[in-house]
C-alpha atoms as a PDB file:
ATOM      1  CA  MET A   1      67.032 103.451-113.800  1.00  0.00           C
ATOM      2  CA  PRO A   2      68.910  99.807-113.854  1.00  0.00           C
ATOM      3  CA  ASP A   3      72.224  99.185-113.320  1.00  0.00           C
ATOM      4  CA  PRO A   4      73.726  97.312-116.185  1.00  0.00           C
ATOM      5  CA  ALA A   5      76.965  96.683-114.479  1.00  0.00           C
ATOM      6  CA  PRO A   6      75.872  93.279-113.133  1.00  0.00           C
ATOM      7  CA  ALA A   7      74.590  92.433-116.621  1.00  0.00           C
ATOM      8  CA  ALA A   8      77.785  93.424-117.730  1.00  0.00           C
ATOM      9  CA  ARG A   9      79.167  91.005-115.750  1.00  0.00           C
ATOM     10  CA  ASN A  10      77.073  88.118-116.528  1.00  0.00           C
ATOM     11  CA  LEU A  11      77.535  88.583-120.031  1.00  0.00           C
ATOM     12  CA  SER A  12      81.414  88.054-119.556  1.00  0.00           C
ATOM     13  CA  ARG A  13      80.672  85.143-117.103  1.00  0.00           C
ATOM     14  CA  ALA A  14      78.876  83.521-119.897  1.00  0.00           C
ATOM     15  CA  ILE A  15      81.144  84.150-122.807  1.00  0.00           C
ATOM     16  CA  ASP A  16      83.765  82.643-120.680  1.00  0.00           C
ATOM     17  CA  ALA A  17      82.060  79.485-120.112  1.00  0.00           C
ATOM     18  CA  ALA A  18      81.177  79.124-123.894  1.00  0.00           C
ATOM     19  CA  ASP A  19      77.699  78.372-123.067  1.00  0.00           C
ATOM     20  CA  SER A  20      75.986  79.366-125.902  1.00  0.00           C
ATOM     21  CA  ARG A  21      72.359  79.588-124.219  1.00  0.00           C
ATOM     22  CA  GLN A  22      73.912  81.224-121.620  1.00  0.00           C
ATOM     23  CA  VAL A  23      75.514  83.744-123.937  1.00  0.00           C
ATOM     24  CA  VAL A  24      72.280  84.693-125.682  1.00  0.00           C
ATOM     25  CA  GLU A  25      70.335  85.000-122.310  1.00  0.00           C
ATOM     26  CA  ALA A  26      73.021  87.106-120.948  1.00  0.00           C
ATOM     27  CA  SER A  27      73.350  88.995-124.345  1.00  0.00           C
ATOM     28  CA  ARG A  28      69.515  89.889-124.344  1.00  0.00           C
ATOM     29  CA  ASP A  29      69.582  90.939-120.417  1.00  0.00           C
ATOM     30  CA  PHE A  30      72.594  92.878-121.192  1.00  0.00           C
ATOM     31  CA  VAL A  31      70.905  94.940-123.953  1.00  0.00           C
ATOM     32  CA  GLU A  32      67.609  95.320-122.212  1.00  0.00           C
ATOM     33  CA  GLN A  33      69.795  96.778-118.962  1.00  0.00           C
ATOM     34  CA  LEU A  34      71.590  99.112-121.399  1.00  0.00           C
ATOM     35  CA  THR A  35      68.578 100.143-123.661  1.00  0.00           C
ATOM     36  CA  PHE A  36      67.153 101.616-120.571  1.00  0.00           C
ATOM     37  CA  ALA A  37      70.235 103.219-118.692  1.00  0.00           C
ATOM     38  CA  THR A  38      71.364 106.637-118.454  1.00  0.00           C
ATOM     39  CA  ALA A  39      75.006 107.904-119.934  1.00  0.00           C
ATOM     40  CA  ASP A  40      75.906 107.986-116.236  1.00  0.00           C
ATOM     41  CA  ASP A  41      75.180 104.463-115.505  1.00  0.00           C
ATOM     42  CA  ILE A  42      76.265 103.335-118.616  1.00  0.00           C
ATOM     43  CA  LEU A  43      79.503 104.862-118.253  1.00  0.00           C
ATOM     44  CA  ALA A  44      80.095 104.000-114.623  1.00  0.00           C
ATOM     45  CA  MET A  45      79.092 100.168-115.838  1.00  0.00           C
ATOM     46  CA  LEU A  46      81.996 100.439-118.620  1.00  0.00           C
ATOM     47  CA  ARG A  47      84.431 101.977-116.619  1.00  0.00           C
ATOM     48  CA  GLU A  48      83.957  99.296-113.515  1.00  0.00           C
ATOM     49  CA  VAL A  49      84.064  96.013-115.500  1.00  0.00           C
ATOM     50  CA  LEU A  50      86.783  97.374-117.839  1.00  0.00           C
ATOM     51  CA  THR A  51      89.029  98.197-114.865  1.00  0.00           C
ATOM     52  CA  GLU A  52      88.578  94.531-113.350  1.00  0.00           C
ATOM     53  CA  ASP A  53      89.140  92.887-116.697  1.00  0.00           C
ATOM     54  CA  TRP A  54      89.781  95.133-120.232  1.00  0.00           C
ATOM     55  CA  THR A  55      88.497  92.116-122.157  1.00  0.00           C
ATOM     56  CA  ALA A  56      85.268  91.686-120.424  1.00  0.00           C
ATOM     57  CA  LEU A  57      83.237  92.766-122.837  1.00  0.00           C
ATOM     58  CA  PRO A  58      83.445  91.675-126.645  1.00  0.00           C
ATOM     59  CA  PRO A  59      83.490  94.644-128.829  1.00  0.00           C
ATOM     60  CA  TRP A  60      79.950  94.724-129.921  1.00  0.00           C
ATOM     61  CA  ALA A  61      78.713  95.254-126.325  1.00  0.00           C
ATOM     62  CA  ARG A  62      81.151  98.169-126.154  1.00  0.00           C
ATOM     63  CA  ASN A  63      80.510  99.942-129.163  1.00  0.00           C
ATOM     64  CA  LEU A  64      76.515  99.522-128.178  1.00  0.00           C
ATOM     65  CA  ALA A  65      77.250 100.913-124.633  1.00  0.00           C
ATOM     66  CA  TYR A  66      79.232 103.734-126.117  1.00  0.00           C
ATOM     67  CA  ARG A  67      76.811 104.295-128.864  1.00  0.00           C
ATOM     68  CA  LEU A  68      73.984 104.717-126.457  1.00  0.00           C
ATOM     69  CA  ALA A  69      75.920 106.938-124.224  1.00  0.00           C
ATOM     70  CA  CYS A  70      76.965 109.157-126.861  1.00  0.00           C
ATOM     71  CA  LEU A  71      73.611 109.593-128.341  1.00  0.00           C
ATOM     72  CA  GLN A  72      72.307 110.885-124.750  1.00  0.00           C
ATOM     73  CA  ARG A  73      75.288 113.623-124.695  1.00  0.00           C
ATOM     74  CA  PRO A  74      75.797 114.139-128.437  1.00  0.00           C
ATOM     75  CA  ASP A  75      77.792 117.409-127.001  1.00  0.00           C
ATOM     76  CA  ASP A  76      79.995 115.914-124.366  1.00  0.00           C
ATOM     77  CA  PRO A  77      83.445 116.176-125.905  1.00  0.00           C
ATOM     78  CA  GLN A  78      84.790 113.943-123.340  1.00  0.00           C
ATOM     79  CA  LEU A  79      82.688 111.188-123.780  1.00  0.00           C
ATOM     80  CA  LEU A  80      83.279 111.438-127.549  1.00  0.00           C
ATOM     81  CA  ARG A  81      87.221 111.135-126.992  1.00  0.00           C
ATOM     82  CA  GLU A  82      86.581 108.172-124.610  1.00  0.00           C
ATOM     83  CA  ALA A  83      84.394 106.403-126.969  1.00  0.00           C
ATOM     84  CA  ALA A  84      86.835 106.956-129.818  1.00  0.00           C
ATOM     85  CA  ALA A  85      89.542 105.465-127.720  1.00  0.00           C
ATOM     86  CA  ASP A  86      87.860 102.453-127.007  1.00  0.00           C
ATOM     87  CA  LEU A  87      86.901 102.146-130.576  1.00  0.00           C
ATOM     88  CA  LEU A  88      90.418 102.249-131.690  1.00  0.00           C
ATOM     89  CA  SER A  89      91.695 100.029-129.216  1.00  0.00           C
ATOM     90  CA  VAL A  90      89.322  97.083-130.771  1.00  0.00           C
ATOM     91  CA  GLY A  91      91.129  97.458-134.109  1.00  0.00           C
ATOM     92  CA  PRO A  92      91.129  99.156-137.649  1.00  0.00           C
ATOM     93  CA  ASP A  93      87.372  98.271-138.340  1.00  0.00           C
ATOM     94  CA  TRP A  94      86.014 100.803-136.463  1.00  0.00           C
ATOM     95  CA  ASP A  95      88.934 103.754-136.978  1.00  0.00           C
ATOM     96  CA  THR A  96      87.074 105.726-139.354  1.00  0.00           C
ATOM     97  CA  PHE A  97      84.135 105.790-136.934  1.00  0.00           C
ATOM     98  CA  ALA A  98      86.986 106.893-134.187  1.00  0.00           C
ATOM     99  CA  GLU A  99      88.442 109.449-136.118  1.00  0.00           C
ATOM    100  CA  GLY A 100      84.682 111.022-136.765  1.00  0.00           C
ATOM    101  CA  LEU A 101      83.978 111.080-133.341  1.00  0.00           C
ATOM    102  CA  GLN A 102      87.496 112.849-132.242  1.00  0.00           C
ATOM    103  CA  ARG A 103      86.768 115.727-135.336  1.00  0.00           C
ATOM    104  CA  ARG A 104      83.261 116.426-133.326  1.00  0.00           C
ATOM    105  CA  ALA A 105      85.035 116.492-129.980  1.00  0.00           C
ATOM    106  CA  ASP A 106      87.163 118.928-131.280  1.00  0.00           C
ATOM    107  CA  GLU A 107      84.369 121.188-133.221  1.00  0.00           C
ATOM    108  CA  LEU A 108      83.079 121.092-129.911  1.00  0.00           C
ATOM    109  CA  ASP A 109      85.901 122.411-127.785  1.00  0.00           C
END
C-alpha cells in the first residue's frame, strides 16, 4: 500500500508556498495516495505529520483522512474518538459530527 505521509508533507509545503498550481497538484496526489492507503497507513501519516506541525494539513485533508480510516474500521472506538477529537479541534462547524462519533464509540465500549 502507498505511504500517504510524503504526499501530506508535499501538500503542506505547497500550501505554505501559496502557489495555486502546486496546491492543486499536491492536493490531487494527496487524495490519490490516501484513497488506496490502509487505515494503519492513514493513522501513521496523521500522527507523524501532525506531530511535526499540528497545522500542516488543512481541515479538509484531515477530515478526509480520518473519514477514510473510520470507514475501514467502523467498529474501532479508539479511532472514532481520535477522529472526533480532531473534528472538535478545528471549530464548531464539525461538532455535531464529532458528537456522533463519540456516541458511536461509547456504544461500542
